[in-house]
Amino acid sequence: MKQRTVFMRRRSAFTLIELLVVILILAILAALIVPRVVGRTSDAKRAKAASDIAALTNALNNFRLDCDRFPTSEEGLDALRTQPGDVTGWRGPYIEKAIPPDPWQNPYVYEYPGSTGDDSFFLISYGSDGAPGGEGDAADVGNDEELG
């Protein structure tokens, strides 16, 4: 009975080798997984910008259906939340929350009319650099008819 008690006391903790093996395994897993997760951040931001632009485009189209025109560049996207002075038929607000900044904390750029005439508008996020053009994370994300 005494031998059994001694044996139980010895096995109650992990050895240094066992701990080192576990730490090594965790380090290898982290080295494989972390780069994949970190690389997805820019993809998620671009997807969020595209989603925001789609929602704002839908709200702008609803504004146009009710008011027979898009908001002017001067009225901007705020016309989706507060009624412009000279507009009749406004049934807003067309979006419930405040106009969000893009995922890089820059305002979305809205211009009316767009490059294809009075039936188009320009709605874009300039990406991480906040400037037109760019590649990768700095590439522009906007409504398809303008980037096309």
Protein backbone atom coordinates (compact mmCIF):
# COMPACT_ATOMS: atom_id res chain seq x y z
CA MET A 1 0.00 0.00 0.00
CA LYS A 2 2.85 2.34 0.80
CA GLN A 3 4.39 1.80 -2.66
CA ARG A 4 1.16 2.70 -4.35
CA THR A 5 0.94 6.02 -2.47
CA VAL A 6 4.49 6.92 -3.47
CA PHE A 7 3.73 6.07 -7.11
CA MET A 8 0.62 8.28 -7.09
CA ARG A 9 2.55 11.26 -5.74
CA ARG A 10 5.20 11.00 -8.44
CA ARG A 11 2.70 10.99 -11.31
CA SER A 12 0.61 13.93 -10.12
CA ALA A 13 2.51 16.56 -12.21
CA PHE A 14 3.69 16.91 -15.81
CA THR A 15 7.34 16.53 -16.61
CA LEU A 16 9.34 19.27 -18.23
CA ILE A 17 9.60 17.27 -21.44
CA GLU A 18 5.81 16.86 -21.65
CA LEU A 19 5.31 20.59 -21.19
CA LEU A 20 7.91 21.39 -23.86
CA VAL A 21 6.24 19.02 -26.33
CA VAL A 22 2.84 20.66 -25.76
CA ILE A 23 4.32 24.16 -26.15
CA LEU A 24 6.06 23.07 -29.37
CA ILE A 25 2.82 21.68 -30.79
CA LEU A 26 0.95 24.90 -29.93
CA ALA A 27 3.70 27.00 -31.52
CA ILE A 28 3.53 24.97 -34.75
CA LEU A 29 -0.27 25.30 -34.89
CA ALA A 30 -0.05 29.06 -34.27
CA ALA A 31 2.56 29.42 -37.03
CA LEU A 32 0.22 27.69 -39.47
CA ILE A 33 -3.07 29.35 -38.48
CA VAL A 34 -2.21 32.96 -37.60
CA PRO A 35 -1.06 34.03 -41.11
CA ARG A 36 -4.30 32.73 -42.60
CA VAL A 37 -6.46 34.59 -40.09
CA VAL A 38 -4.49 37.84 -40.36
CA GLY A 39 -4.68 37.73 -44.15
CA ARG A 40 -8.48 37.66 -43.99
CA THR A 41 -8.79 41.06 -42.30
CA SER A 42 -8.47 43.01 -45.55
CA ASP A 43 -10.95 40.66 -47.26
CA ALA A 44 -13.44 41.26 -44.46
CA LYS A 45 -13.05 45.04 -44.72
CA ARG A 46 -13.58 44.97 -48.48
CA ALA A 47 -16.67 42.78 -48.03
CA LYS A 48 -18.03 45.19 -45.38
CA ALA A 49 -17.49 48.16 -47.71
CA ALA A 50 -19.28 46.33 -50.55
CA SER A 51 -22.17 45.47 -48.21
CA ASP A 52 -22.47 49.07 -46.98
CA ILE A 53 -22.45 50.35 -50.56
CA ALA A 54 -25.17 47.88 -51.55
CA ALA A 55 -27.35 49.00 -48.61
CA LEU A 56 -26.76 52.70 -49.41
CA THR A 57 -27.50 52.06 -53.09
CA ASN A 58 -30.80 50.43 -52.14
CA ALA A 59 -31.67 53.40 -49.90
CA LEU A 60 -30.75 55.85 -52.69
CA ASN A 61 -32.99 53.98 -55.12
CA ASN A 62 -35.86 54.11 -52.61
CA PHE A 63 -35.28 57.88 -52.24
CA ARG A 64 -35.46 58.19 -56.03
CA LEU A 65 -38.72 56.22 -56.20
CA ASP A 66 -40.36 58.51 -53.66
CA CYS A 67 -38.85 61.86 -54.70
CA ASP A 68 -38.39 61.33 -58.47
CA ARG A 69 -34.68 62.14 -58.22
CA PHE A 70 -31.49 61.15 -56.43
CA PRO A 71 -30.08 63.42 -53.72
CA THR A 72 -27.76 66.06 -55.11
CA SER A 73 -24.05 65.99 -54.33
CA GLU A 74 -24.58 68.94 -51.98
CA GLU A 75 -27.37 67.12 -50.08
CA GLY A 76 -25.21 64.01 -49.99
CA LEU A 77 -26.08 60.82 -48.18
CA ASP A 78 -27.55 62.83 -45.29
CA ALA A 79 -30.67 63.23 -47.44
CA LEU A 80 -31.38 59.57 -46.64
CA ARG A 81 -31.76 60.47 -42.93
CA THR A 82 -33.16 64.02 -42.95
CA GLN A 83 -35.53 65.50 -45.49
CA PRO A 84 -33.98 68.11 -47.77
CA GLY A 85 -35.91 71.40 -47.85
CA ASP A 86 -37.11 71.36 -51.48
CA VAL A 87 -38.07 67.67 -51.74
CA THR A 88 -41.67 66.49 -51.99
CA GLY A 89 -42.71 62.88 -51.47
CA TRP A 90 -39.92 62.09 -49.00
CA ARG A 91 -40.91 59.06 -46.89
CA GLY A 92 -37.70 58.58 -44.98
CA PRO A 93 -35.59 58.08 -43.17
CA TYR A 94 -34.38 55.53 -45.69
CA ILE A 95 -31.76 54.15 -43.35
CA GLU A 96 -32.24 53.75 -39.61
CA LYS A 97 -28.73 54.40 -38.32
CA ALA A 98 -26.29 57.20 -39.06
CA ILE A 99 -24.33 56.96 -42.32
CA PRO A 100 -21.40 54.73 -41.40
CA PRO A 101 -17.83 55.51 -42.40
CA ASP A 102 -16.13 52.93 -44.56
CA PRO A 103 -14.19 50.16 -42.76
CA TRP A 104 -11.05 52.33 -42.92
CA GLN A 105 -12.91 55.17 -41.11
CA ASN A 106 -13.16 57.41 -44.21
CA PRO A 107 -16.49 58.80 -45.43
CA TYR A 108 -18.10 57.21 -48.47
CA VAL A 109 -17.86 59.46 -51.52
CA TYR A 110 -21.21 60.25 -53.16
CA GLU A 111 -21.69 62.33 -56.31
CA TYR A 112 -24.77 62.91 -58.41
CA PRO A 113 -25.08 62.75 -61.34
CA GLY A 114 -22.71 59.91 -62.12
CA SER A 115 -20.60 59.52 -65.23
CA THR A 116 -23.42 57.88 -67.22
CA GLY A 117 -25.95 60.71 -66.78
CA ASP A 118 -28.91 61.69 -64.61
CA ASP A 119 -29.90 58.07 -63.93
CA SER A 120 -26.63 57.25 -62.22
CA PHE A 121 -24.65 58.22 -59.17
CA PHE A 122 -21.11 57.69 -57.93
CA LEU A 123 -20.79 55.93 -54.55
CA ILE A 124 -17.37 54.66 -53.55
CA SER A 125 -14.90 53.90 -50.78
CA TYR A 126 -11.33 54.69 -51.73
CA GLY A 127 -9.94 51.85 -49.61
CA SER A 128 -7.28 51.95 -46.94
CA ASP A 129 -5.35 54.87 -48.45
CA GLY A 130 -8.42 57.12 -48.83
CA ALA A 131 -7.31 58.12 -52.34
CA PRO A 132 -8.61 57.14 -55.79
CA GLY A 133 -7.04 54.08 -57.38
CA GLY A 134 -4.73 51.70 -55.61
CA GLU A 135 -4.25 47.97 -55.38
CA GLY A 136 -4.97 45.35 -52.76
CA ASP A 137 -6.21 46.89 -49.52
CA ALA A 138 -6.03 50.37 -51.08
CA ALA A 139 -8.20 49.43 -54.09
CA ASP A 140 -11.49 51.28 -54.57
CA VAL A 141 -14.81 49.62 -53.75
CA GLY A 142 -17.90 51.16 -55.31
CA ASN A 143 -21.17 50.77 -57.14
CA ASP A 144 -20.67 48.59 -60.21
CA GLU A 145 -22.05 50.98 -62.81
CA GLU A 146 -19.29 53.48 -62.03
CA LEU A 147 -16.32 51.13 -61.58
CA GLY A 148 -17.30 48.88 -64.40
